[in-house]
Amino acid sequence: MGAFLLSSGAKGKRIALPNAEIMIHQPSAGTQGQITDMAIHLKRLEIIKKRMNIILAENTGKSVEEVTIACERDNFMSAGEAKEFGLIDKIITNH
């Protein structure tokens, strides 16, 4: 969720420090209870996942397919990789 919020910042002002590590992934949640209730939660998570992938694609300039693939598993990025992916705009080295 942090990377999602970071990517949603004002264009040109999305920054990270040189040693930052940014991770993107698909949404997750724990459910319990009856199978039908868990199915309802799973369906809702699928909707949220699609919506978040669309927004992340808009924020990064990537295609929805690229974002979906990148978020399939925990995807850790250095500051440089996050900039290349479009999550941030610049890496600051001086305060």
PDB file of N, CA and C in Angstrom:
ATOM      1  N   MET A   1       0.828  -1.191   0.000  1.00  0.00           N
ATOM      2  CA  MET A   1       0.000   0.000   0.000  1.00  0.00           C
ATOM      3  C   MET A   1       0.872   1.254   0.000  1.00  0.00           C
ATOM      4  N   GLY A   2       2.034   1.187   0.642  1.00  0.00           N
ATOM      5  CA  GLY A   2       2.917   2.349   0.685  1.00  0.00           C
ATOM      6  C   GLY A   2       3.387   2.764  -0.698  1.00  0.00           C
ATOM      7  N   ALA A   3       3.771   1.802  -1.526  1.00  0.00           N
ATOM      8  CA  ALA A   3       4.220   2.112  -2.886  1.00  0.00           C
ATOM      9  C   ALA A   3       3.075   2.679  -3.716  1.00  0.00           C
ATOM     10  N   PHE A   4       1.873   2.174  -3.471  1.00  0.00           N
ATOM     11  CA  PHE A   4       0.680   2.672  -4.166  1.00  0.00           C
ATOM     12  C   PHE A   4       0.467   4.147  -3.827  1.00  0.00           C
ATOM     13  N   LEU A   5       0.568   4.483  -2.542  1.00  0.00           N
ATOM     14  CA  LEU A   5       0.411   5.874  -2.113  1.00  0.00           C
ATOM     15  C   LEU A   5       1.548   6.743  -2.652  1.00  0.00           C
ATOM     16  N   LEU A   6       2.772   6.223  -2.616  1.00  0.00           N
ATOM     17  CA  LEU A   6       3.925   6.960  -3.131  1.00  0.00           C
ATOM     18  C   LEU A   6       3.731   7.298  -4.604  1.00  0.00           C
ATOM     19  N   SER A   7       3.279   6.343  -5.386  1.00  0.00           N
ATOM     20  CA  SER A   7       3.091   6.571  -6.821  1.00  0.00           C
ATOM     21  C   SER A   7       1.978   7.568  -7.106  1.00  0.00           C
ATOM     22  N   SER A   8       1.084   7.756  -6.143  1.00  0.00           N
ATOM     23  CA  SER A   8      -0.055   8.662  -6.321  1.00  0.00           C
ATOM     24  C   SER A   8       0.275  10.110  -5.970  1.00  0.00           C
ATOM     25  N   GLY A   9       1.501  10.360  -5.554  1.00  0.00           N
ATOM     26  CA  GLY A   9       1.900  11.719  -5.204  1.00  0.00           C
ATOM     27  C   GLY A   9       1.920  12.639  -6.415  1.00  0.00           C
ATOM     28  N   ALA A  10       2.100  13.919  -6.157  1.00  0.00           N
ATOM     29  CA  ALA A  10       2.150  14.914  -7.230  1.00  0.00           C
ATOM     30  C   ALA A  10       3.323  14.604  -8.158  1.00  0.00           C
ATOM     31  N   LYS A  11       3.055  14.562  -9.454  1.00  0.00           N
ATOM     32  CA  LYS A  11       4.108  14.286 -10.431  1.00  0.00           C
ATOM     33  C   LYS A  11       5.233  15.305 -10.275  1.00  0.00           C
ATOM     34  N   GLY A  12       6.449  14.794 -10.303  1.00  0.00           N
ATOM     35  CA  GLY A  12       7.620  15.635 -10.126  1.00  0.00           C
ATOM     36  C   GLY A  12       8.063  15.759  -8.681  1.00  0.00           C
ATOM     37  N   LYS A  13       7.202  15.358  -7.753  1.00  0.00           N
ATOM     38  CA  LYS A  13       7.525  15.470  -6.328  1.00  0.00           C
ATOM     39  C   LYS A  13       7.564  14.114  -5.636  1.00  0.00           C
ATOM     40  N   ARG A  14       7.524  13.047  -6.405  1.00  0.00           N
ATOM     41  CA  ARG A  14       7.585  11.700  -5.823  1.00  0.00           C
ATOM     42  C   ARG A  14       9.066  11.330  -5.717  1.00  0.00           C
ATOM     43  N   ILE A  15       9.593  11.361  -4.506  1.00  0.00           N
ATOM     44  CA  ILE A  15      11.031  11.195  -4.316  1.00  0.00           C
ATOM     45  C   ILE A  15      11.339  10.036  -3.371  1.00  0.00           C
ATOM     46  N   ALA A  16      12.582   9.578  -3.455  1.00  0.00           N
ATOM     47  CA  ALA A  16      13.076   8.541  -2.545  1.00  0.00           C
ATOM     48  C   ALA A  16      14.546   8.821  -2.272  1.00  0.00           C
ATOM     49  N   LEU A  17      15.018   8.316  -1.165  1.00  0.00           N
ATOM     50  CA  LEU A  17      16.439   8.400  -0.836  1.00  0.00           C
ATOM     51  C   LEU A  17      17.188   7.295  -1.575  1.00  0.00           C
ATOM     52  N   PRO A  18      18.492   7.441  -1.761  1.00  0.00           N
ATOM     53  CA  PRO A  18      19.262   6.475  -2.542  1.00  0.00           C
ATOM     54  C   PRO A  18      19.189   5.035  -2.028  1.00  0.00           C
ATOM     55  N   ASN A  19      19.092   4.853  -0.723  1.00  0.00           N
ATOM     56  CA  ASN A  19      19.070   3.500  -0.167  1.00  0.00           C
ATOM     57  C   ASN A  19      17.663   2.979   0.111  1.00  0.00           C
ATOM     58  N   ALA A  20      16.661   3.674  -0.395  1.00  0.00           N
ATOM     59  CA  ALA A  20      15.273   3.240  -0.186  1.00  0.00           C
ATOM     60  C   ALA A  20      15.010   1.926  -0.918  1.00  0.00           C
ATOM     61  N   GLU A  21      14.112   1.162  -0.358  1.00  0.00           N
ATOM     62  CA  GLU A  21      13.645  -0.062  -1.012  1.00  0.00           C
ATOM     63  C   GLU A  21      12.122   0.026  -1.057  1.00  0.00           C
ATOM     64  N   ILE A  22      11.577  -0.145  -2.233  1.00  0.00           N
ATOM     65  CA  ILE A  22      10.139   0.003  -2.439  1.00  0.00           C
ATOM     66  C   ILE A  22       9.607  -1.323  -2.963  1.00  0.00           C
ATOM     67  N   MET A  23       8.492  -1.771  -2.375  1.00  0.00           N
ATOM     68  CA  MET A  23       7.938  -3.073  -2.749  1.00  0.00           C
ATOM     69  C   MET A  23       6.500  -2.922  -3.216  1.00  0.00           C
ATOM     70  N   ILE A  24       6.197  -3.537  -4.364  1.00  0.00           N
ATOM     71  CA  ILE A  24       4.819  -3.595  -4.839  1.00  0.00           C
ATOM     72  C   ILE A  24       4.364  -5.047  -4.806  1.00  0.00           C
ATOM     73  N   HIS A  25       3.075  -5.238  -4.619  1.00  0.00           N
ATOM     74  CA  HIS A  25       2.510  -6.587  -4.558  1.00  0.00           C
ATOM     75  C   HIS A  25       1.003  -6.492  -4.708  1.00  0.00           C
ATOM     76  N   GLN A  26       0.377  -7.630  -4.915  1.00  0.00           N
ATOM     77  CA  GLN A  26      -1.079  -7.637  -5.002  1.00  0.00           C
ATOM     78  C   GLN A  26      -1.680  -7.550  -3.605  1.00  0.00           C
ATOM     79  N   PRO A  27      -2.932  -7.106  -3.502  1.00  0.00           N
ATOM     80  CA  PRO A  27      -3.561  -7.019  -2.181  1.00  0.00           C
ATOM     81  C   PRO A  27      -3.693  -8.394  -1.536  1.00  0.00           C
ATOM     82  N   SER A  28      -3.680  -8.403  -0.220  1.00  0.00           N
ATOM     83  CA  SER A  28      -3.868  -9.664   0.500  1.00  0.00           C
ATOM     84  C   SER A  28      -4.719  -9.397   1.730  1.00  0.00           C
ATOM     85  N   ALA A  29      -5.362 -10.442   2.195  1.00  0.00           N
ATOM     86  CA  ALA A  29      -6.200 -10.325   3.388  1.00  0.00           C
ATOM     87  C   ALA A  29      -6.441 -11.717   3.937  1.00  0.00           C
ATOM     88  N   GLY A  30      -6.645 -11.788   5.216  1.00  0.00           N
ATOM     89  CA  GLY A  30      -6.998 -13.054   5.845  1.00  0.00           C
ATOM     90  C   GLY A  30      -8.505 -13.111   6.047  1.00  0.00           C
ATOM     91  N   THR A  31      -9.086 -14.224   5.726  1.00  0.00           N
ATOM     92  CA  THR A  31     -10.523 -14.383   5.947  1.00  0.00           C
ATOM     93  C   THR A  31     -10.759 -15.665   6.727  1.00  0.00           C
ATOM     94  N   GLN A  32     -11.893 -15.703   7.356  1.00  0.00           N
ATOM     95  CA  GLN A  32     -12.305 -16.917   8.049  1.00  0.00           C
ATOM     96  C   GLN A  32     -13.822 -16.943   8.082  1.00  0.00           C
ATOM     97  N   GLY A  33     -14.352 -18.069   8.392  1.00  0.00           N
ATOM     98  CA  GLY A  33     -15.803 -18.196   8.455  1.00  0.00           C
ATOM     99  C   GLY A  33     -16.301 -19.188   7.429  1.00  0.00           C
ATOM    100  N   GLN A  34     -17.540 -19.017   7.056  1.00  0.00           N
ATOM    101  CA  GLN A  34     -18.155 -19.936   6.105  1.00  0.00           C
ATOM    102  C   GLN A  34     -17.544 -19.757   4.720  1.00  0.00           C
ATOM    103  N   ILE A  35     -17.533 -20.826   3.962  1.00  0.00           N
ATOM    104  CA  ILE A  35     -16.951 -20.793   2.622  1.00  0.00           C
ATOM    105  C   ILE A  35     -17.629 -19.736   1.758  1.00  0.00           C
ATOM    106  N   THR A  36     -18.934 -19.608   1.867  1.00  0.00           N
ATOM    107  CA  THR A  36     -19.639 -18.609   1.056  1.00  0.00           C
ATOM    108  C   THR A  36     -19.205 -17.189   1.424  1.00  0.00           C
ATOM    109  N   ASP A  37     -18.977 -16.942   2.710  1.00  0.00           N
ATOM    110  CA  ASP A  37     -18.494 -15.621   3.127  1.00  0.00           C
ATOM    111  C   ASP A  37     -17.077 -15.373   2.624  1.00  0.00           C
ATOM    112  N   MET A  38     -16.235 -16.397   2.659  1.00  0.00           N
ATOM    113  CA  MET A  38     -14.868 -16.251   2.161  1.00  0.00           C
ATOM    114  C   MET A  38     -14.884 -15.993   0.656  1.00  0.00           C
ATOM    115  N   ALA A  39     -15.808 -16.608  -0.058  1.00  0.00           N
ATOM    116  CA  ALA A  39     -15.930 -16.380  -1.501  1.00  0.00           C
ATOM    117  C   ALA A  39     -16.315 -14.929  -1.783  1.00  0.00           C
ATOM    118  N   ILE A  40     -17.179 -14.375  -0.948  1.00  0.00           N
ATOM    119  CA  ILE A  40     -17.565 -12.968  -1.095  1.00  0.00           C
ATOM    120  C   ILE A  40     -16.342 -12.073  -0.919  1.00  0.00           C
ATOM    121  N   HIS A  41     -15.537 -12.361   0.097  1.00  0.00           N
ATOM    122  CA  HIS A  41     -14.323 -11.570   0.343  1.00  0.00           C
ATOM    123  C   HIS A  41     -13.331 -11.712  -0.811  1.00  0.00           C
ATOM    124  N   LEU A  42     -13.182 -12.913  -1.337  1.00  0.00           N
ATOM    125  CA  LEU A  42     -12.262 -13.146  -2.451  1.00  0.00           C
ATOM    126  C   LEU A  42     -12.707 -12.364  -3.684  1.00  0.00           C
ATOM    127  N   LYS A  43     -13.997 -12.390  -3.964  1.00  0.00           N
ATOM    128  CA  LYS A  43     -14.517 -11.644  -5.109  1.00  0.00           C
ATOM    129  C   LYS A  43     -14.240 -10.151  -4.938  1.00  0.00           C
ATOM    130  N   ARG A  44     -14.423  -9.659  -3.737  1.00  0.00           N
ATOM    131  CA  ARG A  44     -14.167  -8.245  -3.453  1.00  0.00           C
ATOM    132  C   ARG A  44     -12.683  -7.912  -3.634  1.00  0.00           C
ATOM    133  N   LEU A  45     -11.805  -8.809  -3.172  1.00  0.00           N
ATOM    134  CA  LEU A  45     -10.365  -8.597  -3.341  1.00  0.00           C
ATOM    135  C   LEU A  45      -9.973  -8.554  -4.813  1.00  0.00           C
ATOM    136  N   GLU A  46     -10.598  -9.382  -5.631  1.00  0.00           N
ATOM    137  CA  GLU A  46     -10.312  -9.378  -7.073  1.00  0.00           C
ATOM    138  C   GLU A  46     -10.680  -8.029  -7.686  1.00  0.00           C
ATOM    139  N   ILE A  47     -11.801  -7.466  -7.256  1.00  0.00           N
ATOM    140  CA  ILE A  47     -12.228  -6.152  -7.749  1.00  0.00           C
ATOM    141  C   ILE A  47     -11.226  -5.083  -7.319  1.00  0.00           C
ATOM    142  N   ILE A  48     -10.813  -5.131  -6.053  1.00  0.00           N
ATOM    143  CA  ILE A  48      -9.838  -4.164  -5.534  1.00  0.00           C
ATOM    144  C   ILE A  48      -8.511  -4.302  -6.271  1.00  0.00           C
ATOM    145  N   LYS A  49      -8.075  -5.532  -6.510  1.00  0.00           N
ATOM    146  CA  LYS A  49      -6.818  -5.781  -7.218  1.00  0.00           C
ATOM    147  C   LYS A  49      -6.847  -5.154  -8.609  1.00  0.00           C
ATOM    148  N   LYS A  50      -7.923  -5.370  -9.342  1.00  0.00           N
ATOM    149  CA  LYS A  50      -8.035  -4.804 -10.691  1.00  0.00           C
ATOM    150  C   LYS A  50      -8.027  -3.280 -10.645  1.00  0.00           C
ATOM    151  N   ARG A  51      -8.775  -2.708  -9.710  1.00  0.00           N
ATOM    152  CA  ARG A  51      -8.847  -1.249  -9.586  1.00  0.00           C
ATOM    153  C   ARG A  51      -7.475  -0.671  -9.238  1.00  0.00           C
ATOM    154  N   MET A  52      -6.776  -1.298  -8.300  1.00  0.00           N
ATOM    155  CA  MET A  52      -5.452  -0.803  -7.903  1.00  0.00           C
ATOM    156  C   MET A  52      -4.449  -0.928  -9.045  1.00  0.00           C
ATOM    157  N   ASN A  53      -4.528  -2.008  -9.822  1.00  0.00           N
ATOM    158  CA  ASN A  53      -3.616  -2.176 -10.954  1.00  0.00           C
ATOM    159  C   ASN A  53      -3.849  -1.103 -12.013  1.00  0.00           C
ATOM    160  N   ILE A  54      -5.110  -0.746 -12.240  1.00  0.00           N
ATOM    161  CA  ILE A  54      -5.426   0.311 -13.202  1.00  0.00           C
ATOM    162  C   ILE A  54      -4.849   1.643 -12.725  1.00  0.00           C
ATOM    163  N   ILE A  55      -5.049   1.960 -11.458  1.00  0.00           N
ATOM    164  CA  ILE A  55      -4.539   3.226 -10.909  1.00  0.00           C
ATOM    165  C   ILE A  55      -3.016   3.242 -10.923  1.00  0.00           C
ATOM    166  N   LEU A  56      -2.386   2.132 -10.539  1.00  0.00           N
ATOM    167  CA  LEU A  56      -0.925   2.060 -10.538  1.00  0.00           C
ATOM    168  C   LEU A  56      -0.381   2.199 -11.960  1.00  0.00           C
ATOM    169  N   ALA A  57      -1.076   1.639 -12.931  1.00  0.00           N
ATOM    170  CA  ALA A  57      -0.669   1.786 -14.332  1.00  0.00           C
ATOM    171  C   ALA A  57      -0.736   3.254 -14.750  1.00  0.00           C
ATOM    172  N   GLU A  58      -1.807   3.934 -14.369  1.00  0.00           N
ATOM    173  CA  GLU A  58      -1.937   5.360 -14.689  1.00  0.00           C
ATOM    174  C   GLU A  58      -0.829   6.173 -14.019  1.00  0.00           C
ATOM    175  N   ASN A  59      -0.502   5.834 -12.782  1.00  0.00           N
ATOM    176  CA  ASN A  59       0.515   6.576 -12.029  1.00  0.00           C
ATOM    177  C   ASN A  59       1.921   6.368 -12.569  1.00  0.00           C
ATOM    178  N   THR A  60       2.194   5.188 -13.118  1.00  0.00           N
ATOM    179  CA  THR A  60       3.549   4.850 -13.548  1.00  0.00           C
ATOM    180  C   THR A  60       3.779   4.973 -15.049  1.00  0.00           C
ATOM    181  N   GLY A  61       2.701   5.021 -15.824  1.00  0.00           N
ATOM    182  CA  GLY A  61       2.842   5.032 -17.277  1.00  0.00           C
ATOM    183  C   GLY A  61       3.034   3.647 -17.859  1.00  0.00           C
ATOM    184  N   LYS A  62       2.923   2.629 -17.034  1.00  0.00           N
ATOM    185  CA  LYS A  62       3.018   1.241 -17.497  1.00  0.00           C
ATOM    186  C   LYS A  62       1.640   0.771 -17.955  1.00  0.00           C
ATOM    187  N   SER A  63       1.606  -0.322 -18.697  1.00  0.00           N
ATOM    188  CA  SER A  63       0.319  -0.907 -19.073  1.00  0.00           C
ATOM    189  C   SER A  63      -0.244  -1.666 -17.876  1.00  0.00           C
ATOM    190  N   VAL A  64      -1.544  -1.882 -17.886  1.00  0.00           N
ATOM    191  CA  VAL A  64      -2.176  -2.649 -16.809  1.00  0.00           C
ATOM    192  C   VAL A  64      -1.583  -4.053 -16.767  1.00  0.00           C
ATOM    193  N   GLU A  65      -1.301  -4.618 -17.929  1.00  0.00           N
ATOM    194  CA  GLU A  65      -0.709  -5.962 -17.977  1.00  0.00           C
ATOM    195  C   GLU A  65       0.676  -5.979 -17.326  1.00  0.00           C
ATOM    196  N   GLU A  66       1.494  -4.966 -17.608  1.00  0.00           N
ATOM    197  CA  GLU A  66       2.827  -4.889 -16.998  1.00  0.00           C
ATOM    198  C   GLU A  66       2.730  -4.783 -15.478  1.00  0.00           C
ATOM    199  N   VAL A  67       1.808  -3.956 -15.003  1.00  0.00           N
ATOM    200  CA  VAL A  67       1.628  -3.781 -13.562  1.00  0.00           C
ATOM    201  C   VAL A  67       1.126  -5.070 -12.932  1.00  0.00           C
ATOM    202  N   THR A  68       0.177  -5.723 -13.575  1.00  0.00           N
ATOM    203  CA  THR A  68      -0.370  -6.978 -13.048  1.00  0.00           C
ATOM    204  C   THR A  68       0.727  -8.023 -12.897  1.00  0.00           C
ATOM    205  N   ILE A  69       1.579  -8.135 -13.893  1.00  0.00           N
ATOM    206  CA  ILE A  69       2.689  -9.097 -13.834  1.00  0.00           C
ATOM    207  C   ILE A  69       3.672  -8.702 -12.730  1.00  0.00           C
ATOM    208  N   ALA A  70       3.995  -7.411 -12.644  1.00  0.00           N
ATOM    209  CA  ALA A  70       4.954  -6.938 -11.641  1.00  0.00           C
ATOM    210  C   ALA A  70       4.444  -7.138 -10.219  1.00  0.00           C
ATOM    211  N   CYS A  71       3.130  -7.094 -10.039  1.00  0.00           N
ATOM    212  CA  CYS A  71       2.540  -7.208  -8.701  1.00  0.00           C
ATOM    213  C   CYS A  71       2.148  -8.634  -8.339  1.00  0.00           C
ATOM    214  N   GLU A  72       2.392  -9.582  -9.213  1.00  0.00           N
ATOM    215  CA  GLU A  72       1.952 -10.960  -8.962  1.00  0.00           C
ATOM    216  C   GLU A  72       2.549 -11.529  -7.675  1.00  0.00           C
ATOM    217  N   ARG A  73       3.784 -11.192  -7.407  1.00  0.00           N
ATOM    218  CA  ARG A  73       4.475 -11.594  -6.179  1.00  0.00           C
ATOM    219  C   ARG A  73       5.111 -10.354  -5.569  1.00  0.00           C
ATOM    220  N   ASP A  74       5.594 -10.459  -4.336  1.00  0.00           N
ATOM    221  CA  ASP A  74       6.316  -9.338  -3.737  1.00  0.00           C
ATOM    222  C   ASP A  74       7.457  -8.943  -4.670  1.00  0.00           C
ATOM    223  N   ASN A  75       7.507  -7.684  -5.045  1.00  0.00           N
ATOM    224  CA  ASN A  75       8.479  -7.195  -6.014  1.00  0.00           C
ATOM    225  C   ASN A  75       9.243  -6.029  -5.375  1.00  0.00           C
ATOM    226  N   PHE A  76      10.445  -6.322  -4.898  1.00  0.00           N
ATOM    227  CA  PHE A  76      11.275  -5.321  -4.229  1.00  0.00           C
ATOM    228  C   PHE A  76      12.103  -4.562  -5.262  1.00  0.00           C
ATOM    229  N   MET A  77      12.144  -3.244  -5.121  1.00  0.00           N
ATOM    230  CA  MET A  77      12.893  -2.400  -6.056  1.00  0.00           C
ATOM    231  C   MET A  77      13.802  -1.445  -5.293  1.00  0.00           C
ATOM    232  N   SER A  78      14.968  -1.224  -5.853  1.00  0.00           N
ATOM    233  CA  SER A  78      15.843  -0.164  -5.343  1.00  0.00           C
ATOM    234  C   SER A  78      15.233   1.171  -5.770  1.00  0.00           C
ATOM    235  N   ALA A  79      15.797   2.255  -5.271  1.00  0.00           N
ATOM    236  CA  ALA A  79      15.303   3.574  -5.669  1.00  0.00           C
ATOM    237  C   ALA A  79      15.422   3.760  -7.183  1.00  0.00           C
ATOM    238  N   GLY A  80      16.529   3.308  -7.745  1.00  0.00           N
ATOM    239  CA  GLY A  80      16.723   3.418  -9.196  1.00  0.00           C
ATOM    240  C   GLY A  80      15.709   2.604  -9.979  1.00  0.00           C
ATOM    241  N   GLU A  81      15.446   1.397  -9.510  1.00  0.00           N
ATOM    242  CA  GLU A  81      14.453   0.551 -10.179  1.00  0.00           C
ATOM    243  C   GLU A  81      13.052   1.143 -10.057  1.00  0.00           C
ATOM    244  N   ALA A  82      12.753   1.729  -8.891  1.00  0.00           N
ATOM    245  CA  ALA A  82      11.443   2.358  -8.692  1.00  0.00           C
ATOM    246  C   ALA A  82      11.283   3.562  -9.617  1.00  0.00           C
ATOM    247  N   LYS A  83      12.361   4.299  -9.825  1.00  0.00           N
ATOM    248  CA  LYS A  83      12.310   5.439 -10.748  1.00  0.00           C
ATOM    249  C   LYS A  83      12.090   4.946 -12.171  1.00  0.00           C
ATOM    250  N   GLU A  84      12.818   3.921 -12.549  1.00  0.00           N
ATOM    251  CA  GLU A  84      12.673   3.350 -13.890  1.00  0.00           C
ATOM    252  C   GLU A  84      11.258   2.808 -14.108  1.00  0.00           C
ATOM    253  N   PHE A  85      10.671   2.228 -13.074  1.00  0.00           N
ATOM    254  CA  PHE A  85       9.317   1.670 -13.168  1.00  0.00           C
ATOM    255  C   PHE A  85       8.260   2.776 -13.208  1.00  0.00           C
ATOM    256  N   GLY A  86       8.608   3.964 -12.714  1.00  0.00           N
ATOM    257  CA  GLY A  86       7.671   5.084 -12.720  1.00  0.00           C
ATOM    258  C   GLY A  86       6.981   5.337 -11.396  1.00  0.00           C
ATOM    259  N   LEU A  87       7.441   4.662 -10.336  1.00  0.00           N
ATOM    260  CA  LEU A  87       6.841   4.872  -9.015  1.00  0.00           C
ATOM    261  C   LEU A  87       7.264   6.206  -8.416  1.00  0.00           C
ATOM    262  N   ILE A  88       8.503   6.616  -8.710  1.00  0.00           N
ATOM    263  CA  ILE A  88       9.026   7.886  -8.205  1.00  0.00           C
ATOM    264  C   ILE A  88       9.591   8.687  -9.370  1.00  0.00           C
ATOM    265  N   ASP A  89       9.829   9.972  -9.109  1.00  0.00           N
ATOM    266  CA  ASP A  89      10.351  10.856 -10.149  1.00  0.00           C
ATOM    267  C   ASP A  89      11.834  11.148  -9.996  1.00  0.00           C
ATOM    268  N   LYS A  90      12.307  11.164  -8.757  1.00  0.00           N
ATOM    269  CA  LYS A  90      13.722  11.465  -8.563  1.00  0.00           C
ATOM    270  C   LYS A  90      14.231  10.852  -7.264  1.00  0.00           C
ATOM    271  N   ILE A  91      15.546  10.728  -7.237  1.00  0.00           N
ATOM    272  CA  ILE A  91      16.250  10.218  -6.060  1.00  0.00           C
ATOM    273  C   ILE A  91      17.061  11.387  -5.520  1.00  0.00           C
ATOM    274  N   ILE A  92      16.815  11.736  -4.252  1.00  0.00           N
ATOM    275  CA  ILE A  92      17.546  12.877  -3.697  1.00  0.00           C
ATOM    276  C   ILE A  92      18.780  12.372  -2.951  1.00  0.00           C
ATOM    277  N   THR A  93      19.875  13.077  -3.158  1.00  0.00           N
ATOM    278  CA  THR A  93      21.113  12.696  -2.483  1.00  0.00           C
ATOM    279  C   THR A  93      21.555  13.761  -1.491  1.00  0.00           C
ATOM    280  N   ASN A  94      21.110  14.992  -1.677  1.00  0.00           N
ATOM    281  CA  ASN A  94      21.433  16.088  -0.757  1.00  0.00           C
ATOM    282  C   ASN A  94      20.150  16.606  -0.143  1.00  0.00           C
ATOM    283  N   HIS A  95      20.220  16.958   1.122  1.00  0.00           N
ATOM    284  CA  HIS A  95      19.009  17.439   1.805  1.00  0.00           C
ATOM    285  C   HIS A  95      18.808  18.896   1.550  1.00  0.00           C
TER     286      HIS A  95
END
